[in-house]
């Protein structure tokens, strides 16, 4: 049942339209919590990807330093 100021959306009864600003509101808690879970997982993956990018960058810098040291040793 829609609360005061809200009307049920015809296409999906789990959705209501707010009468004051016409916003669509999902009343299905399972969908809401599923979406939050997906959002958290996506954010965790993005953070992990950034960490991996930093680590790869550090490794590249170390390899470049090693190559530079070896080249200097060979040229002596």
PDB file of N, CA and C in Angstrom:
ATOM      1  N   UNK A   1       0.830  -1.179   0.000  1.00  0.00           N
ATOM      2  CA  UNK A   1       0.000   0.000   0.000  1.00  0.00           C
ATOM      3  C   UNK A   1       0.872   1.239   0.000  1.00  0.00           C
ATOM      4  N   UNK A   2       0.583   2.161  -0.866  1.00  0.00           N
ATOM      5  CA  UNK A   2       1.338   3.402  -0.944  1.00  0.00           C
ATOM      6  C   UNK A   2       0.952   4.312   0.211  1.00  0.00           C
ATOM      7  N   UNK A   3       1.938   5.046   0.738  1.00  0.00           N
ATOM      8  CA  UNK A   3       1.655   5.967   1.835  1.00  0.00           C
ATOM      9  C   UNK A   3       1.090   7.270   1.290  1.00  0.00           C
ATOM     10  N   UNK A   4       0.672   8.149   2.191  1.00  0.00           N
ATOM     11  CA  UNK A   4       0.074   9.430   1.783  1.00  0.00           C
ATOM     12  C   UNK A   4       1.066  10.212   0.921  1.00  0.00           C
ATOM     13  N   UNK A   5       0.570  10.758  -0.171  1.00  0.00           N
ATOM     14  CA  UNK A   5       1.434  11.524  -1.063  1.00  0.00           C
ATOM     15  C   UNK A   5       2.189  10.674  -2.060  1.00  0.00           C
ATOM     16  N   UNK A   6       1.981   9.372  -2.005  1.00  0.00           N
ATOM     17  CA  UNK A   6       2.644   8.459  -2.935  1.00  0.00           C
ATOM     18  C   UNK A   6       1.586   7.690  -3.717  1.00  0.00           C
ATOM     19  N   UNK A   7       1.906   7.410  -4.973  1.00  0.00           N
ATOM     20  CA  UNK A   7       1.005   6.593  -5.779  1.00  0.00           C
ATOM     21  C   UNK A   7       1.790   5.444  -6.392  1.00  0.00           C
ATOM     22  N   UNK A   8       1.159   4.294  -6.521  1.00  0.00           N
ATOM     23  CA  UNK A   8       1.814   3.111  -7.064  1.00  0.00           C
ATOM     24  C   UNK A   8       2.036   3.296  -8.564  1.00  0.00           C
ATOM     25  N   UNK A   9       3.228   2.912  -9.023  1.00  0.00           N
ATOM     26  CA  UNK A   9       3.547   2.961 -10.443  1.00  0.00           C
ATOM     27  C   UNK A   9       2.887   1.759 -11.105  1.00  0.00           C
ATOM     28  N   UNK A  10       2.156   1.987 -12.186  1.00  0.00           N
ATOM     29  CA  UNK A  10       1.367   0.923 -12.829  1.00  0.00           C
ATOM     30  C   UNK A  10       2.229  -0.241 -13.315  1.00  0.00           C
ATOM     31  N   UNK A  11       3.386   0.071 -13.885  1.00  0.00           N
ATOM     32  CA  UNK A  11       4.224  -0.972 -14.483  1.00  0.00           C
ATOM     33  C   UNK A  11       4.862  -1.889 -13.448  1.00  0.00           C
ATOM     34  N   UNK A  12       5.071  -1.373 -12.218  1.00  0.00           N
ATOM     35  CA  UNK A  12       5.739  -2.158 -11.180  1.00  0.00           C
ATOM     36  C   UNK A  12       5.185  -1.763  -9.812  1.00  0.00           C
ATOM     37  N   UNK A  13       4.386  -2.626  -9.193  1.00  0.00           N
ATOM     38  CA  UNK A  13       3.761  -2.270  -7.911  1.00  0.00           C
ATOM     39  C   UNK A  13       4.750  -2.081  -6.765  1.00  0.00           C
ATOM     40  N   UNK A  14       6.011  -2.520  -6.925  1.00  0.00           N
ATOM     41  CA  UNK A  14       6.991  -2.297  -5.862  1.00  0.00           C
ATOM     42  C   UNK A  14       7.547  -0.876  -5.913  1.00  0.00           C
ATOM     43  N   UNK A  15       7.165  -0.112  -6.949  1.00  0.00           N
ATOM     44  CA  UNK A  15       7.601   1.273  -7.086  1.00  0.00           C
ATOM     45  C   UNK A  15       6.456   2.218  -6.779  1.00  0.00           C
ATOM     46  N   UNK A  16       6.786   3.327  -6.123  1.00  0.00           N
ATOM     47  CA  UNK A  16       5.790   4.374  -5.891  1.00  0.00           C
ATOM     48  C   UNK A  16       6.347   5.698  -6.380  1.00  0.00           C
ATOM     49  N   UNK A  17       5.440   6.605  -6.714  1.00  0.00           N
ATOM     50  CA  UNK A  17       5.845   7.942  -7.149  1.00  0.00           C
ATOM     51  C   UNK A  17       5.525   8.922  -6.032  1.00  0.00           C
ATOM     52  N   UNK A  18       6.537   9.700  -5.636  1.00  0.00           N
ATOM     53  CA  UNK A  18       6.361  10.721  -4.605  1.00  0.00           C
ATOM     54  C   UNK A  18       5.531  11.856  -5.184  1.00  0.00           C
ATOM     55  N   UNK A  19       4.457  12.206  -4.498  1.00  0.00           N
ATOM     56  CA  UNK A  19       3.557  13.242  -4.989  1.00  0.00           C
ATOM     57  C   UNK A  19       4.160  14.634  -4.961  1.00  0.00           C
ATOM     58  N   UNK A  20       5.131  14.880  -4.095  1.00  0.00           N
ATOM     59  CA  UNK A  20       5.677  16.236  -3.969  1.00  0.00           C
ATOM     60  C   UNK A  20       6.726  16.560  -5.028  1.00  0.00           C
ATOM     61  N   UNK A  21       7.509  15.564  -5.457  1.00  0.00           N
ATOM     62  CA  UNK A  21       8.574  15.859  -6.431  1.00  0.00           C
ATOM     63  C   UNK A  21       8.627  14.876  -7.602  1.00  0.00           C
ATOM     64  N   UNK A  22       7.685  13.983  -7.705  1.00  0.00           N
ATOM     65  CA  UNK A  22       7.568  12.992  -8.782  1.00  0.00           C
ATOM     66  C   UNK A  22       8.704  11.974  -8.822  1.00  0.00           C
ATOM     67  N   UNK A  23       9.471  11.860  -7.748  1.00  0.00           N
ATOM     68  CA  UNK A  23      10.554  10.874  -7.693  1.00  0.00           C
ATOM     69  C   UNK A  23       9.963   9.470  -7.605  1.00  0.00           C
ATOM     70  N   UNK A  24      10.664   8.518  -8.232  1.00  0.00           N
ATOM     71  CA  UNK A  24      10.265   7.123  -8.145  1.00  0.00           C
ATOM     72  C   UNK A  24      10.995   6.501  -6.954  1.00  0.00           C
ATOM     73  N   UNK A  25      10.255   5.815  -6.099  1.00  0.00           N
ATOM     74  CA  UNK A  25      10.812   5.209  -4.892  1.00  0.00           C
ATOM     75  C   UNK A  25      10.587   3.709  -4.959  1.00  0.00           C
ATOM     76  N   UNK A  26      11.672   2.951  -4.785  1.00  0.00           N
ATOM     77  CA  UNK A  26      11.582   1.499  -4.770  1.00  0.00           C
ATOM     78  C   UNK A  26      11.281   1.058  -3.340  1.00  0.00           C
ATOM     79  N   UNK A  27      10.159   0.394  -3.138  1.00  0.00           N
ATOM     80  CA  UNK A  27       9.751  -0.049  -1.805  1.00  0.00           C
ATOM     81  C   UNK A  27      10.232  -1.464  -1.511  1.00  0.00           C
ATOM     82  N   UNK A  28      10.892  -2.103  -2.456  1.00  0.00           N
ATOM     83  CA  UNK A  28      11.365  -3.471  -2.288  1.00  0.00           C
ATOM     84  C   UNK A  28      12.715  -3.449  -1.568  1.00  0.00           C
ATOM     85  N   UNK A  29      12.723  -3.823  -0.287  1.00  0.00           N
ATOM     86  CA  UNK A  29      13.957  -3.799   0.507  1.00  0.00           C
ATOM     87  C   UNK A  29      15.018  -4.753  -0.035  1.00  0.00           C
ATOM     88  N   UNK A  30      14.592  -5.902  -0.558  1.00  0.00           N
ATOM     89  CA  UNK A  30      15.562  -6.856  -1.096  1.00  0.00           C
ATOM     90  C   UNK A  30      16.336  -6.239  -2.252  1.00  0.00           C
ATOM     91  N   UNK A  31      15.626  -5.556  -3.147  1.00  0.00           N
ATOM     92  CA  UNK A  31      16.302  -4.885  -4.263  1.00  0.00           C
ATOM     93  C   UNK A  31      17.263  -3.824  -3.752  1.00  0.00           C
ATOM     94  N   UNK A  32      16.843  -3.076  -2.752  1.00  0.00           N
ATOM     95  CA  UNK A  32      17.669  -2.020  -2.189  1.00  0.00           C
ATOM     96  C   UNK A  32      18.963  -2.583  -1.608  1.00  0.00           C
ATOM     97  N   UNK A  33      18.847  -3.618  -0.787  1.00  0.00           N
ATOM     98  CA  UNK A  33      20.025  -4.197  -0.156  1.00  0.00           C
ATOM     99  C   UNK A  33      20.914  -4.911  -1.182  1.00  0.00           C
ATOM    100  N   UNK A  34      20.307  -5.509  -2.205  1.00  0.00           N
ATOM    101  CA  UNK A  34      21.082  -6.126  -3.282  1.00  0.00           C
ATOM    102  C   UNK A  34      21.907  -5.059  -4.001  1.00  0.00           C
ATOM    103  N   UNK A  35      21.279  -3.919  -4.277  1.00  0.00           N
ATOM    104  CA  UNK A  35      21.976  -2.812  -4.951  1.00  0.00           C
ATOM    105  C   UNK A  35      23.113  -2.269  -4.091  1.00  0.00           C
ATOM    106  N   UNK A  36      22.873  -2.133  -2.779  1.00  0.00           N
ATOM    107  CA  UNK A  36      23.940  -1.675  -1.882  1.00  0.00           C
ATOM    108  C   UNK A  36      25.109  -2.651  -1.888  1.00  0.00           C
ATOM    109  N   UNK A  37      24.792  -3.940  -1.886  1.00  0.00           N
ATOM    110  CA  UNK A  37      25.835  -4.964  -1.905  1.00  0.00           C
ATOM    111  C   UNK A  37      26.652  -4.887  -3.189  1.00  0.00           C
ATOM    112  N   UNK A  38      25.977  -4.714  -4.308  1.00  0.00           N
ATOM    113  CA  UNK A  38      26.666  -4.594  -5.598  1.00  0.00           C
ATOM    114  C   UNK A  38      27.543  -3.345  -5.606  1.00  0.00           C
ATOM    115  N   UNK A  39      27.008  -2.244  -5.069  1.00  0.00           N
ATOM    116  CA  UNK A  39      27.766  -0.993  -5.035  1.00  0.00           C
ATOM    117  C   UNK A  39      29.024  -1.147  -4.185  1.00  0.00           C
ATOM    118  N   UNK A  40      28.903  -1.764  -3.018  1.00  0.00           N
ATOM    119  CA  UNK A  40      30.072  -1.976  -2.150  1.00  0.00           C
ATOM    120  C   UNK A  40      31.107  -2.863  -2.834  1.00  0.00           C
ATOM    121  N   UNK A  41      30.647  -3.918  -3.488  1.00  0.00           N
ATOM    122  CA  UNK A  41      31.573  -4.819  -4.175  1.00  0.00           C
ATOM    123  C   UNK A  41      32.295  -4.092  -5.305  1.00  0.00           C
ATOM    124  N   UNK A  42      31.568  -3.260  -6.036  1.00  0.00           N
ATOM    125  CA  UNK A  42      32.174  -2.492  -7.121  1.00  0.00           C
ATOM    126  C   UNK A  42      33.217  -1.524  -6.577  1.00  0.00           C
ATOM    127  N   UNK A  43      32.887  -0.843  -5.474  1.00  0.00           N
ATOM    128  CA  UNK A  43      33.842   0.086  -4.869  1.00  0.00           C
ATOM    129  C   UNK A  43      35.079  -0.657  -4.372  1.00  0.00           C
ATOM    130  N   UNK A  44      34.899  -1.833  -3.781  1.00  0.00           N
ATOM    131  CA  UNK A  44      36.031  -2.623  -3.296  1.00  0.00           C
ATOM    132  C   UNK A  44      36.924  -3.047  -4.461  1.00  0.00           C
ATOM    133  N   UNK A  45      36.314  -3.413  -5.585  1.00  0.00           N
ATOM    134  CA  UNK A  45      37.093  -3.792  -6.762  1.00  0.00           C
ATOM    135  C   UNK A  45      37.873  -2.604  -7.304  1.00  0.00           C
ATOM    136  N   UNK A  46      37.249  -1.425  -7.310  1.00  0.00           N
ATOM    137  CA  UNK A  46      37.935  -0.227  -7.797  1.00  0.00           C
ATOM    138  C   UNK A  46      39.118   0.130  -6.902  1.00  0.00           C
ATOM    139  N   UNK A  47      38.933   0.009  -5.590  1.00  0.00           N
ATOM    140  CA  UNK A  47      40.029   0.281  -4.658  1.00  0.00           C
ATOM    141  C   UNK A  47      41.158  -0.716  -4.870  1.00  0.00           C
ATOM    142  N   UNK A  48      40.820  -1.978  -5.010  1.00  0.00           N
ATOM    143  CA  UNK A  48      41.828  -3.018  -5.247  1.00  0.00           C
ATOM    144  C   UNK A  48      42.573  -2.761  -6.556  1.00  0.00           C
ATOM    145  N   UNK A  49      41.845  -2.334  -7.589  1.00  0.00           N
ATOM    146  CA  UNK A  49      42.473  -2.049  -8.882  1.00  0.00           C
ATOM    147  C   UNK A  49      43.463  -0.897  -8.750  1.00  0.00           C
ATOM    148  N   UNK A  50      43.108   0.133  -7.997  1.00  0.00           N
ATOM    149  CA  UNK A  50      44.018   1.263  -7.785  1.00  0.00           C
ATOM    150  C   UNK A  50      45.264   0.824  -7.033  1.00  0.00           C
ATOM    151  N   UNK A  51      45.092  -0.039  -6.027  1.00  0.00           N
ATOM    152  CA  UNK A  51      46.241  -0.561  -5.284  1.00  0.00           C
ATOM    153  C   UNK A  51      47.164  -1.344  -6.219  1.00  0.00           C
ATOM    154  N   UNK A  52      46.570  -2.182  -7.064  1.00  0.00           N
ATOM    155  CA  UNK A  52      47.365  -2.971  -7.997  1.00  0.00           C
ATOM    156  C   UNK A  52      48.112  -2.080  -8.990  1.00  0.00           C
ATOM    157  N   UNK A  53      47.456  -1.020  -9.452  1.00  0.00           N
ATOM    158  CA  UNK A  53      48.113  -0.088 -10.364  1.00  0.00           C
ATOM    159  C   UNK A  53      49.326   0.558  -9.699  1.00  0.00           C
ATOM    160  N   UNK A  54      49.177   0.936  -8.440  1.00  0.00           N
ATOM    161  CA  UNK A  54      50.294   1.532  -7.704  1.00  0.00           C
ATOM    162  C   UNK A  54      51.433   0.536  -7.539  1.00  0.00           C
ATOM    163  N   UNK A  55      51.094  -0.693  -7.211  1.00  0.00           N
ATOM    164  CA  UNK A  55      52.114  -1.718  -7.039  1.00  0.00           C
ATOM    165  C   UNK A  55      52.844  -1.999  -8.346  1.00  0.00           C
ATOM    166  N   UNK A  56      52.130  -2.068  -9.437  1.00  0.00           N
ATOM    167  CA  UNK A  56      52.755  -2.301 -10.739  1.00  0.00           C
ATOM    168  C   UNK A  56      53.682  -1.136 -11.077  1.00  0.00           C
ATOM    169  N   UNK A  57      53.235   0.069 -10.789  1.00  0.00           N
ATOM    170  CA  UNK A  57      54.058   1.246 -11.043  1.00  0.00           C
ATOM    171  C   UNK A  57      55.346   1.187 -10.226  1.00  0.00           C
ATOM    172  N   UNK A  58      55.235   0.811  -8.961  1.00  0.00           N
ATOM    173  CA  UNK A  58      56.418   0.672  -8.110  1.00  0.00           C
ATOM    174  C   UNK A  58      57.364  -0.395  -8.657  1.00  0.00           C
ATOM    175  N   UNK A  59      56.811  -1.512  -9.100  1.00  0.00           N
ATOM    176  CA  UNK A  59      57.637  -2.582  -9.663  1.00  0.00           C
ATOM    177  C   UNK A  59      58.352  -2.118 -10.934  1.00  0.00           C
ATOM    178  N   UNK A  60      57.648  -1.368 -11.768  1.00  0.00           N
ATOM    179  CA  UNK A  60      58.273  -0.837 -12.981  1.00  0.00           C
ATOM    180  C   UNK A  60      59.435   0.084 -12.629  1.00  0.00           C
ATOM    181  N   UNK A  61      59.236   0.928 -11.640  1.00  0.00           N
ATOM    182  CA  UNK A  61      60.304   1.830 -11.209  1.00  0.00           C
ATOM    183  C   UNK A  61      61.506   1.050 -10.692  1.00  0.00           C
ATOM    184  N   UNK A  62      61.256  -0.002  -9.921  1.00  0.00           N
ATOM    185  CA  UNK A  62      62.351  -0.828  -9.404  1.00  0.00           C
ATOM    186  C   UNK A  62      63.109  -1.515 -10.537  1.00  0.00           C
ATOM    187  N   UNK A  63      62.380  -2.024 -11.517  1.00  0.00           N
ATOM    188  CA  UNK A  63      63.025  -2.680 -12.659  1.00  0.00           C
ATOM    189  C   UNK A  63      63.885  -1.673 -13.421  1.00  0.00           C
ATOM    190  N   UNK A  64      63.362  -0.477 -13.615  1.00  0.00           N
ATOM    191  CA  UNK A  64      64.137   0.565 -14.296  1.00  0.00           C
ATOM    192  C   UNK A  64      65.410   0.894 -13.527  1.00  0.00           C
ATOM    193  N   UNK A  65      65.304   0.965 -12.196  1.00  0.00           N
ATOM    194  CA  UNK A  65      66.489   1.235 -11.375  1.00  0.00           C
ATOM    195  C   UNK A  65      67.506   0.109 -11.504  1.00  0.00           C
ATOM    196  N   UNK A  66      67.031  -1.120 -11.469  1.00  0.00           N
ATOM    197  CA  UNK A  66      67.942  -2.266 -11.611  1.00  0.00           C
ATOM    198  C   UNK A  66      68.643  -2.254 -12.967  1.00  0.00           C
ATOM    199  N   UNK A  67      67.900  -1.963 -14.010  1.00  0.00           N
ATOM    200  CA  UNK A  67      68.492  -1.895 -15.347  1.00  0.00           C
ATOM    201  C   UNK A  67      69.527  -0.791 -15.403  1.00  0.00           C
ATOM    202  N   UNK A  68      69.221   0.344 -14.816  1.00  0.00           N
ATOM    203  CA  UNK A  68      70.145   1.475 -14.803  1.00  0.00           C
ATOM    204  C   UNK A  68      71.429   1.118 -14.051  1.00  0.00           C
ATOM    205  N   UNK A  69      71.298   0.465 -12.904  1.00  0.00           N
ATOM    206  CA  UNK A  69      72.470   0.061 -12.119  1.00  0.00           C
ATOM    207  C   UNK A  69      73.308  -0.937 -12.910  1.00  0.00           C
ATOM    208  N   UNK A  70      72.660  -1.880 -13.565  1.00  0.00           N
ATOM    209  CA  UNK A  70      73.399  -2.887 -14.348  1.00  0.00           C
ATOM    210  C   UNK A  70      74.120  -2.231 -15.518  1.00  0.00           C
ATOM    211  N   UNK A  71      73.446  -1.292 -16.173  1.00  0.00           N
ATOM    212  CA  UNK A  71      74.085  -0.606 -17.289  1.00  0.00           C
ATOM    213  C   UNK A  71      75.283   0.197 -16.826  1.00  0.00           C
ATOM    214  N   UNK A  72      75.171   0.831 -15.673  1.00  0.00           N
ATOM    215  CA  UNK A  72      76.302   1.594 -15.110  1.00  0.00           C
ATOM    216  C   UNK A  72      77.447   0.667 -14.751  1.00  0.00           C
ATOM    217  N   UNK A  73      77.157  -0.507 -14.210  1.00  0.00           N
ATOM    218  CA  UNK A  73      78.193  -1.471 -13.837  1.00  0.00           C
ATOM    219  C   UNK A  73      78.879  -2.026 -15.077  1.00  0.00           C
ATOM    220  N   UNK A  74      78.135  -2.241 -16.154  1.00  0.00           N
ATOM    221  CA  UNK A  74      78.716  -2.779 -17.372  1.00  0.00           C
ATOM    222  C   UNK A  74      79.598  -1.749 -18.099  1.00  0.00           C
ATOM    223  N   UNK A  75      79.242  -0.473 -17.954  1.00  0.00           N
ATOM    224  CA  UNK A  75      79.992   0.552 -18.650  1.00  0.00           C
ATOM    225  C   UNK A  75      81.272   0.930 -17.923  1.00  0.00           C
ATOM    226  N   UNK A  76      81.486   0.402 -16.717  1.00  0.00           N
ATOM    227  CA  UNK A  76      82.704   0.725 -15.952  1.00  0.00           C
ATOM    228  C   UNK A  76      83.861  -0.104 -16.375  1.00  0.00           C
TER     229      UNK A  76
END
